[in-house]
């Protein structure tokens, strides 16, 4: 399992994970392009509001906020299980434009899945903020794609945490697989599962078009 931390990740490991993830998606969808029109659409994703939330950490990419990913307003579309719930306390950097008041707490075994987000081949990565509330707390991260065979969840690794809020490194969406299927768009959801101890996540962003 790949460990996602605040330390640099070897490029070969990222490329290898991307190829594996893409192969899994393509395998699940292979031979279903005509029937899968409702899942894979031609064109591009709708225009969204972009910002540079990770500029302070040397990442100048433009990012789109995942709906409800600040955990300040409505959590409509989020699926929470195992005791996952909103709690007081937010990442202190104010990357959404202001310091919030809430985040999502994940007790051991709890999980949260985001609403679907439109992506295409140019939506390569996502990032979010994490911290642990107990020793050895970790959060497993998956991307979930719809297919004609049902949702396919691709494991990306585990975010290792610290007692203070920190952004993860960029994590792969494997959205390039959509380009292999008529260059269309699809939707993904992000799933977070607490493996050990209690953790918090906040301010979840997707990088659209890898723009700078």
Protein backbone atom coordinates (compact mmCIF):
# COMPACT_ATOMS: atom_id res chain seq x y z
CA UNK A 1 0.00 0.00 0.00
CA UNK A 2 1.27 3.45 -0.86
CA UNK A 3 1.59 5.88 2.01
CA UNK A 4 0.60 9.46 1.32
CA UNK A 5 2.40 11.87 3.61
CA UNK A 6 3.92 15.31 3.53
CA UNK A 7 7.19 13.85 2.22
CA UNK A 8 8.05 13.86 -1.52
CA UNK A 9 6.71 10.85 -3.44
CA UNK A 10 8.89 9.20 -6.14
CA UNK A 11 7.65 10.03 -9.65
CA UNK A 12 7.94 6.38 -10.73
CA UNK A 13 5.60 5.35 -7.93
CA UNK A 14 3.02 7.95 -8.98
CA UNK A 15 3.22 6.93 -12.63
CA UNK A 16 2.92 3.26 -11.72
CA UNK A 17 -0.12 3.90 -9.54
CA UNK A 18 -1.72 5.98 -12.28
CA UNK A 19 -1.26 3.21 -14.84
CA UNK A 20 -2.67 0.60 -12.49
CA UNK A 21 -5.69 2.73 -11.60
CA UNK A 22 -6.38 3.54 -15.23
CA UNK A 23 -6.15 -0.09 -16.23
CA UNK A 24 -8.70 -1.06 -13.60
CA UNK A 25 -11.19 1.54 -14.79
CA UNK A 26 -10.71 0.73 -18.46
CA UNK A 27 -11.04 -2.98 -17.73
CA UNK A 28 -14.33 -2.42 -15.92
CA UNK A 29 -15.70 -0.32 -18.78
CA UNK A 30 -14.13 -2.08 -21.77
CA UNK A 31 -16.51 -2.96 -24.55
CA UNK A 32 -19.37 -0.93 -23.08
CA UNK A 33 -18.87 2.46 -24.74
CA UNK A 34 -22.19 2.60 -26.64
CA UNK A 35 -24.24 1.30 -23.73
CA UNK A 36 -22.28 3.44 -21.28
CA UNK A 37 -23.34 6.79 -22.77
CA UNK A 38 -25.06 7.72 -19.52
CA UNK A 39 -21.80 7.19 -17.62
CA UNK A 40 -19.31 8.64 -20.09
CA UNK A 41 -20.25 11.87 -21.87
CA UNK A 42 -18.50 13.75 -24.64
CA UNK A 43 -17.49 17.36 -24.11
CA UNK A 44 -16.00 19.03 -21.08
CA UNK A 45 -17.03 19.56 -17.50
CA UNK A 46 -18.97 22.73 -16.61
CA UNK A 47 -16.95 25.81 -15.72
CA UNK A 48 -16.29 26.16 -12.01
CA UNK A 49 -14.79 28.66 -9.59
CA UNK A 50 -11.06 28.04 -9.22
CA UNK A 51 -8.55 29.11 -6.58
CA UNK A 52 -4.97 28.37 -5.48
CA UNK A 53 -5.51 26.92 -2.00
CA UNK A 54 -2.13 25.17 -1.79
CA UNK A 55 0.10 28.00 -3.03
CA UNK A 56 1.63 28.38 0.44
CA UNK A 57 2.95 24.82 0.09
CA UNK A 58 4.54 25.38 -3.32
CA UNK A 59 1.58 24.12 -5.38
CA UNK A 60 0.48 26.80 -7.87
CA UNK A 61 -2.21 24.63 -9.52
CA UNK A 62 -5.77 25.89 -9.71
CA UNK A 63 -8.25 23.80 -7.72
CA UNK A 64 -12.02 23.37 -7.57
CA UNK A 65 -13.68 22.84 -4.19
CA UNK A 66 -15.55 19.55 -3.88
CA UNK A 67 -19.23 20.24 -3.03
CA UNK A 68 -19.61 20.35 0.74
CA UNK A 69 -15.88 19.69 1.11
CA UNK A 70 -15.38 22.60 3.51
CA UNK A 71 -17.93 20.99 5.88
CA UNK A 72 -19.25 24.46 6.75
CA UNK A 73 -22.65 24.31 5.04
CA UNK A 74 -24.89 21.59 3.69
CA UNK A 75 -23.49 18.07 3.48
CA UNK A 76 -26.06 17.10 0.85
CA UNK A 77 -24.66 14.36 -1.35
CA UNK A 78 -22.10 13.18 1.19
CA UNK A 79 -22.52 9.62 2.45
CA UNK A 80 -21.42 9.23 6.08
CA UNK A 81 -21.10 5.89 7.89
CA UNK A 82 -19.67 4.42 11.09
CA UNK A 83 -19.99 7.60 13.15
CA UNK A 84 -18.51 10.08 10.66
CA UNK A 85 -19.94 13.50 11.45
CA UNK A 86 -19.28 17.20 11.34
CA UNK A 87 -17.37 18.58 14.31
CA UNK A 88 -16.11 21.94 15.51
CA UNK A 89 -12.64 23.05 14.47
CA UNK A 90 -11.28 23.75 10.99
CA UNK A 91 -7.92 23.87 9.24
CA UNK A 92 -6.42 27.20 10.36
CA UNK A 93 -5.07 28.46 7.03
CA UNK A 94 -8.30 29.81 5.56
CA UNK A 95 -7.65 28.37 2.09
CA UNK A 96 -11.30 28.81 1.11
CA UNK A 97 -11.01 32.55 1.72
CA UNK A 98 -11.80 32.50 5.41
CA UNK A 99 -11.01 30.28 8.39
CA UNK A 100 -13.96 27.96 8.91
CA UNK A 101 -15.55 26.60 12.04
CA UNK A 102 -16.09 22.95 11.12
CA UNK A 103 -14.46 19.83 9.72
CA UNK A 104 -15.35 16.16 9.39
CA UNK A 105 -14.35 13.75 12.15
CA UNK A 106 -13.81 10.07 11.34
CA UNK A 107 -13.66 7.66 14.29
CA UNK A 108 -11.84 4.38 13.65
CA UNK A 109 -13.81 2.41 11.06
CA UNK A 110 -15.90 5.39 9.94
CA UNK A 111 -16.08 6.46 6.31
CA UNK A 112 -17.26 9.41 4.23
CA UNK A 113 -17.87 9.58 0.49
CA UNK A 114 -18.17 12.86 -1.41
CA UNK A 115 -20.83 13.76 -3.96
CA UNK A 116 -19.87 12.95 -7.57
CA UNK A 117 -17.59 15.50 -9.26
CA UNK A 118 -17.30 15.86 -13.04
CA UNK A 119 -13.80 15.06 -14.30
CA UNK A 120 -12.07 14.41 -17.59
CA UNK A 121 -8.53 13.55 -18.63
CA UNK A 122 -7.26 16.93 -17.48
CA UNK A 123 -8.37 16.53 -13.86
CA UNK A 124 -5.29 14.71 -12.57
CA UNK A 125 -5.17 15.21 -8.80
CA UNK A 126 -6.94 16.14 -5.60
CA UNK A 127 -5.79 17.32 -2.17
CA UNK A 128 -7.29 17.91 1.25
CA UNK A 129 -6.31 18.76 4.82
CA UNK A 130 -5.93 16.15 7.55
CA UNK A 131 -4.93 15.76 11.17
CA UNK A 132 -5.06 12.94 13.69
CA UNK A 133 -6.70 12.94 17.09
CA UNK A 134 -5.05 9.76 18.33
CA UNK A 135 -1.80 7.87 18.01
CA UNK A 136 -1.22 6.03 14.70
CA UNK A 137 -4.42 7.39 13.15
CA UNK A 138 -4.51 6.98 9.36
CA UNK A 139 -7.09 7.60 6.64
CA UNK A 140 -7.43 5.30 3.63
CA UNK A 141 -8.31 7.15 0.43
CA UNK A 142 -10.17 5.80 -2.61
CA UNK A 143 -11.61 7.23 -5.80
CA UNK A 144 -14.98 5.77 -6.79
CA UNK A 145 -16.08 5.66 -10.45
CA UNK A 146 -19.46 4.53 -11.84
CA UNK A 147 -19.42 1.68 -14.35
CA UNK A 148 -22.04 -0.54 -15.93
CA UNK A 149 -20.95 -3.22 -13.47
CA UNK A 150 -21.50 -0.91 -10.52
CA UNK A 151 -19.18 1.48 -8.67
CA UNK A 152 -15.46 0.74 -8.89
CA UNK A 153 -13.40 1.92 -5.90
CA UNK A 154 -9.68 2.34 -6.53
CA UNK A 155 -7.45 2.37 -3.43
CA UNK A 156 -4.85 5.13 -3.50
CA UNK A 157 -3.14 4.52 -0.18
CA UNK A 158 -3.32 6.02 3.28
CA UNK A 159 -2.84 9.59 4.42
CA UNK A 160 -0.53 9.56 7.42
CA UNK A 161 -1.37 12.34 9.79
CA UNK A 162 0.07 14.60 12.45
CA UNK A 163 -1.43 16.40 15.42
CA UNK A 164 -1.52 19.63 13.43
CA UNK A 165 -3.50 20.34 10.26
CA UNK A 166 -1.51 19.64 7.09
CA UNK A 167 -2.33 19.29 3.39
CA UNK A 168 -1.77 15.94 1.75
CA UNK A 169 0.45 15.65 -1.27
CA UNK A 170 -1.43 15.64 -4.61
CA UNK A 171 -3.26 12.34 -4.97
CA UNK A 172 -4.29 10.84 -8.32
CA UNK A 173 -7.86 10.80 -9.65
CA UNK A 174 -7.01 8.41 -12.54
CA UNK A 175 -9.34 10.61 -14.62
CA UNK A 176 -7.12 10.11 -17.67
CA UNK A 177 -8.94 6.81 -18.14
CA UNK A 178 -11.92 8.82 -19.36
CA UNK A 179 -9.83 10.03 -22.29
CA UNK A 180 -9.38 6.42 -23.36
CA UNK A 181 -13.14 6.12 -23.67
CA UNK A 182 -13.95 8.54 -26.51
CA UNK A 183 -12.29 11.47 -24.78
CA UNK A 184 -15.37 11.95 -22.66
CA UNK A 185 -16.13 13.00 -19.14
CA UNK A 186 -17.20 10.96 -16.17
CA UNK A 187 -17.83 11.52 -12.48
CA UNK A 188 -15.86 10.44 -9.47
CA UNK A 189 -16.46 10.44 -5.75
CA UNK A 190 -13.78 10.51 -3.07
CA UNK A 191 -14.03 8.04 -0.19
CA UNK A 192 -12.19 8.49 3.12
CA UNK A 193 -12.03 5.70 5.71
CA UNK A 194 -10.39 5.93 9.15
CA UNK A 195 -8.24 2.85 9.64
CA UNK A 196 -6.71 3.43 13.06
CA UNK A 197 -7.80 5.93 15.67
CA UNK A 198 -9.79 9.11 15.11
CA UNK A 199 -8.93 11.59 12.36
CA UNK A 200 -10.29 14.79 10.84
CA UNK A 201 -10.42 15.97 7.24
CA UNK A 202 -11.23 19.40 5.84
CA UNK A 203 -11.31 21.49 2.64
CA UNK A 204 -11.26 18.89 -0.15
CA UNK A 205 -10.22 20.11 -3.62
CA UNK A 206 -9.90 18.64 -7.14
CA UNK A 207 -7.33 20.02 -9.60
CA UNK A 208 -9.17 20.73 -12.87
CA UNK A 209 -7.13 20.72 -16.07
CA UNK A 210 -3.85 20.82 -14.12
CA UNK A 211 -3.86 24.58 -14.67
CA UNK A 212 -1.28 26.92 -13.25
